[in-house]
Amino acid sequence: MTVLVVDDESRMRKLIKDFLVQKDFNVIEAQDGEEALNIFEEKQNEIKLILLDVMMPKLDGWSVLRQIRQTSNVPIIMLTARGEEQDELFGFELGVDEYISKPFSPKILVARVEAILRRTKEKQNNVEDYGGIIIDSDGRTVKVDEKNVEMSLREYELLKYLVDNQGIALSRDKILNNVWNYDYYGDSRTIDSHIKKIRHKLGKKGKYIETMRGVGYKFEVK
């Protein structure tokens, strides 16, 4: 697990790093907001949590938080010397996961980090990766190569049915019965048009949906 520690005080970074390393975390350091954004842009897929100081030169913690939240929901714990209620409320409005005022116990900080990562992992249990196609069952969203793929409700349900039955050849009748829920009485070729649209939206990953001649379709990652 990689944690990005952002603080302009080198002693504070070292203190936090020492305690996190003891718990087998990998720690990346940044001494100001600009450096933090550059590192996050480069290592976004690697970083699992950010410890972010508020008062820093060049770019403060609030600005860093706003920019990161435009593209990522990575857990963020804000560190600040000010413990005013208004500051905390402001942080939560911007998308902070936790808020810790200095001075703090490093052991408590590490415990907070571990607790947030546990909760994050539990939330991700309904997110599955099918050969680079990421499907979030709770949010009913699809991503390919970290980019959101816009799908209609029926397209999403059809894709989900295919991946849930990965490796199984599914007839058009079976797809209609399970995705259209018996309430469709038109031509089964509507499935073909939906499959065509889904393949197009998935790009290169669309090849995972195979046409089974005389049967229907099968989803298989190769």
Protein backbone atom coordinates (compact mmCIF):
# COMPACT_ATOMS: atom_id res chain seq x y z
CA MET A 1 0.00 0.00 0.00
CA THR A 2 1.45 3.34 -1.07
CA VAL A 3 0.71 6.52 0.90
CA LEU A 4 1.57 10.03 -0.33
CA VAL A 5 2.63 12.29 2.57
CA VAL A 6 2.42 16.00 1.73
CA ASP A 7 3.88 18.47 4.25
CA ASP A 8 6.34 21.36 3.99
CA GLU A 9 8.01 20.34 7.27
CA SER A 10 10.64 17.66 6.64
CA ARG A 11 10.62 16.55 10.30
CA MET A 12 6.88 15.97 10.16
CA ARG A 13 7.20 13.95 6.95
CA LYS A 14 9.97 11.83 8.47
CA LEU A 15 7.96 11.22 11.65
CA ILE A 16 4.91 10.06 9.71
CA LYS A 17 6.99 8.02 7.28
CA ASP A 18 8.85 6.18 10.06
CA PHE A 19 5.60 5.04 11.68
CA LEU A 20 3.97 4.06 8.37
CA VAL A 21 7.02 2.09 7.23
CA GLN A 22 6.87 0.11 10.48
CA LYS A 23 3.43 -1.05 9.33
CA ASP A 24 4.80 -2.04 5.89
CA PHE A 25 3.44 0.95 4.00
CA ASN A 26 5.34 2.37 1.05
CA VAL A 27 5.67 6.14 1.51
CA ILE A 28 6.15 8.84 -1.13
CA GLU A 29 6.93 12.36 0.11
CA ALA A 30 6.06 15.80 -1.30
CA GLN A 31 7.14 19.08 0.28
CA ASP A 32 4.51 21.35 -1.27
CA GLY A 33 1.21 21.27 -3.15
CA GLU A 34 2.66 21.57 -6.63
CA GLU A 35 5.02 18.65 -6.10
CA ALA A 36 2.13 16.63 -4.65
CA LEU A 37 -0.02 17.15 -7.77
CA ASN A 38 2.85 16.23 -10.08
CA ILE A 39 3.53 13.03 -8.14
CA PHE A 40 -0.15 12.11 -7.98
CA GLU A 41 -0.59 12.62 -11.71
CA GLU A 42 2.32 10.28 -12.37
CA LYS A 43 1.47 7.62 -9.77
CA GLN A 44 -2.31 7.91 -9.44
CA ASN A 45 -2.92 4.18 -9.84
CA GLU A 46 -0.31 3.35 -7.22
CA ILE A 47 -1.26 5.80 -4.44
CA LYS A 48 -3.99 4.43 -2.14
CA LEU A 49 -4.21 7.30 0.38
CA ILE A 50 -2.96 10.87 0.81
CA LEU A 51 -1.95 12.60 4.05
CA LEU A 52 -2.26 16.27 3.13
CA ASP A 53 -1.14 19.32 5.14
CA VAL A 54 -3.28 22.45 4.81
CA MET A 55 -0.78 25.30 5.22
CA MET A 56 1.94 24.96 2.58
CA PRO A 57 3.87 27.25 0.22
CA LYS A 58 3.15 27.49 -3.54
CA LEU A 59 -0.18 25.63 -3.30
CA ASP A 60 -2.11 25.00 -0.10
CA GLY A 61 -3.86 21.78 0.87
CA TRP A 62 -7.33 23.04 -0.04
CA SER A 63 -6.21 23.77 -3.62
CA VAL A 64 -4.56 20.37 -3.92
CA LEU A 65 -7.70 18.70 -2.58
CA ARG A 66 -9.94 20.49 -5.07
CA GLN A 67 -7.80 19.47 -8.04
CA ILE A 68 -7.47 15.84 -6.99
CA ARG A 69 -11.20 15.52 -6.38
CA GLN A 70 -11.85 16.52 -10.00
CA THR A 71 -10.47 13.16 -11.14
CA SER A 72 -10.10 10.85 -8.15
CA ASN A 73 -11.85 9.61 -5.00
CA VAL A 74 -8.59 8.47 -3.38
CA PRO A 75 -8.94 8.68 0.44
CA ILE A 76 -7.48 11.92 1.83
CA ILE A 77 -6.66 12.76 5.45
CA MET A 78 -6.09 16.48 6.04
CA LEU A 79 -3.44 17.55 8.56
CA THR A 80 -3.68 21.03 10.05
CA ALA A 81 -2.38 23.05 12.97
CA ARG A 82 -5.80 24.68 13.23
CA GLY A 83 -8.59 22.76 14.88
CA GLU A 84 -11.45 25.14 14.27
CA GLU A 85 -14.83 23.60 13.52
CA GLN A 86 -15.33 25.78 10.43
CA ASP A 87 -12.11 24.48 8.89
CA GLU A 88 -13.19 20.90 9.46
CA LEU A 89 -16.62 21.48 7.93
CA PHE A 90 -14.97 23.15 4.93
CA GLY A 91 -12.72 20.13 4.48
CA PHE A 92 -15.58 17.66 4.55
CA GLU A 93 -17.51 19.74 2.00
CA LEU A 94 -14.55 19.48 -0.37
CA GLY A 95 -14.36 15.71 0.02
CA VAL A 96 -12.00 15.03 2.93
CA ASP A 97 -12.28 11.53 4.40
CA GLU A 98 -10.67 12.33 7.75
CA TYR A 99 -9.40 15.42 9.53
CA ILE A 100 -6.57 15.40 12.10
CA SER A 101 -5.29 18.45 13.99
CA LYS A 102 -1.64 18.88 14.93
CA PRO A 103 -0.11 17.89 17.26
CA PHE A 104 -1.31 14.31 16.98
CA SER A 105 -0.21 10.85 18.06
CA PRO A 106 1.59 9.11 15.15
CA LYS A 107 0.19 5.79 16.34
CA ILE A 108 -3.36 7.16 16.20
CA LEU A 109 -2.66 8.58 12.74
CA VAL A 110 -1.49 5.18 11.47
CA ALA A 111 -4.58 3.56 13.00
CA ARG A 112 -6.78 6.07 11.14
CA VAL A 113 -4.95 5.31 7.89
CA GLU A 114 -5.48 1.57 8.34
CA ALA A 115 -9.16 2.03 9.23
CA ILE A 116 -9.87 4.18 6.16
CA LEU A 117 -8.09 1.75 3.85
CA ARG A 118 -10.12 -1.13 5.31
CA ARG A 119 -13.35 0.76 4.64
CA THR A 120 -12.20 1.62 1.13
CA LYS A 121 -11.41 -2.01 0.42
CA GLU A 122 -14.87 -3.05 1.61
CA LYS A 123 -16.47 -0.48 -0.70
CA GLN A 124 -14.46 -1.81 -3.62
CA ASN A 125 -15.72 -5.36 -3.17
CA ASN A 126 -18.50 -4.63 -5.66
CA VAL A 127 -16.01 -3.37 -8.25
CA GLU A 128 -14.83 -6.06 -10.64
CA ASP A 129 -12.13 -6.00 -13.32
CA TYR A 130 -12.89 -8.04 -16.44
CA GLY A 131 -9.71 -7.81 -18.50
CA GLY A 132 -9.54 -4.02 -18.15
CA ILE A 133 -13.30 -3.45 -18.18
CA ILE A 134 -14.06 -2.13 -14.67
CA ILE A 135 -17.68 -2.54 -13.57
CA ASP A 136 -18.96 -0.94 -10.37
CA SER A 137 -22.17 -2.77 -9.48
CA ASP A 138 -23.15 -0.26 -6.78
CA GLY A 139 -22.64 2.81 -8.95
CA ARG A 140 -23.73 0.98 -12.12
CA THR A 141 -20.73 2.45 -13.95
CA VAL A 142 -18.29 1.08 -16.51
CA LYS A 143 -14.69 2.15 -17.08
CA VAL A 144 -12.16 1.12 -19.70
CA ASP A 145 -8.53 2.15 -19.21
CA GLU A 146 -9.58 4.47 -16.34
CA LYS A 147 -12.05 6.32 -18.57
CA ASN A 148 -15.79 6.32 -17.93
CA VAL A 149 -17.90 4.65 -20.60
CA GLU A 150 -21.39 6.11 -20.96
CA MET A 151 -24.01 3.40 -21.36
CA SER A 152 -27.77 3.29 -21.35
CA LEU A 153 -29.42 1.25 -18.61
CA ARG A 154 -30.18 -1.59 -21.05
CA GLU A 155 -26.63 -1.60 -22.42
CA TYR A 156 -25.25 -1.77 -18.90
CA GLU A 157 -27.59 -4.60 -17.91
CA LEU A 158 -26.73 -6.55 -21.07
CA LEU A 159 -22.98 -6.17 -20.49
CA LYS A 160 -23.37 -7.12 -16.82
CA TYR A 161 -25.33 -10.25 -17.76
CA LEU A 162 -22.63 -11.28 -20.23
CA VAL A 163 -19.74 -10.80 -17.77
CA ASP A 164 -21.65 -12.51 -14.95
CA ASN A 165 -21.86 -15.55 -17.25
CA GLN A 166 -18.30 -15.30 -18.50
CA GLY A 167 -17.28 -18.20 -20.73
CA ILE A 168 -20.87 -19.38 -21.27
CA ALA A 169 -22.54 -19.27 -24.68
CA LEU A 170 -25.85 -17.46 -24.21
CA SER A 171 -28.70 -17.75 -26.68
CA ARG A 172 -30.60 -14.66 -27.78
CA ASP A 173 -33.76 -16.03 -26.15
CA LYS A 174 -31.97 -16.50 -22.85
CA ILE A 175 -30.55 -12.96 -23.02
CA LEU A 176 -33.99 -11.54 -23.78
CA ASN A 177 -35.56 -13.44 -20.89
CA ASN A 178 -32.92 -12.32 -18.39
CA VAL A 179 -32.11 -8.79 -19.52
CA TRP A 180 -35.43 -7.69 -20.97
CA ASN A 181 -37.31 -9.63 -18.27
CA TYR A 182 -39.91 -11.21 -20.57
CA ASP A 183 -41.46 -7.80 -21.29
CA TYR A 184 -40.10 -7.52 -24.82
CA TYR A 185 -42.01 -9.06 -27.71
CA GLY A 186 -40.16 -7.59 -30.66
CA ASP A 187 -37.41 -8.94 -32.88
CA SER A 188 -34.50 -10.56 -31.06
CA ARG A 189 -32.21 -8.66 -33.43
CA THR A 190 -32.50 -5.78 -30.98
CA ILE A 191 -29.83 -7.68 -29.02
CA ASP A 192 -27.51 -7.54 -32.02
CA SER A 193 -27.84 -3.75 -32.25
CA HIS A 194 -27.17 -3.37 -28.51
CA ILE A 195 -24.12 -5.64 -28.73
CA LYS A 196 -22.80 -3.57 -31.63
CA LYS A 197 -23.11 -0.38 -29.60
CA ILE A 198 -21.48 -1.95 -26.54
CA ARG A 199 -18.55 -3.28 -28.57
CA HIS A 200 -18.02 0.17 -30.07
CA LYS A 201 -18.05 1.84 -26.64
CA LEU A 202 -15.62 -0.70 -25.20
CA GLY A 203 -13.12 -0.06 -27.98
CA LYS A 204 -10.44 -2.74 -28.22
CA LYS A 205 -12.04 -4.54 -25.26
CA GLY A 206 -15.15 -5.09 -27.37
CA LYS A 207 -13.48 -8.18 -28.82
CA TYR A 208 -14.23 -9.97 -25.52
CA ILE A 209 -17.85 -10.27 -26.65
CA GLU A 210 -17.82 -13.15 -29.13
CA THR A 211 -20.57 -13.96 -31.61
CA MET A 212 -21.53 -17.64 -31.36
CA ARG A 213 -22.93 -18.59 -34.76
CA GLY A 214 -26.38 -20.08 -34.54
CA VAL A 215 -26.51 -19.49 -30.79
CA GLY A 216 -25.94 -15.97 -29.51
CA TYR A 217 -23.04 -14.40 -27.63
CA LYS A 218 -20.33 -15.21 -25.14
CA PHE A 219 -18.11 -12.94 -23.04
CA GLU A 220 -14.58 -14.22 -22.59
CA VAL A 221 -11.35 -12.41 -21.76
CA LYS A 222 -8.47 -13.60 -23.92
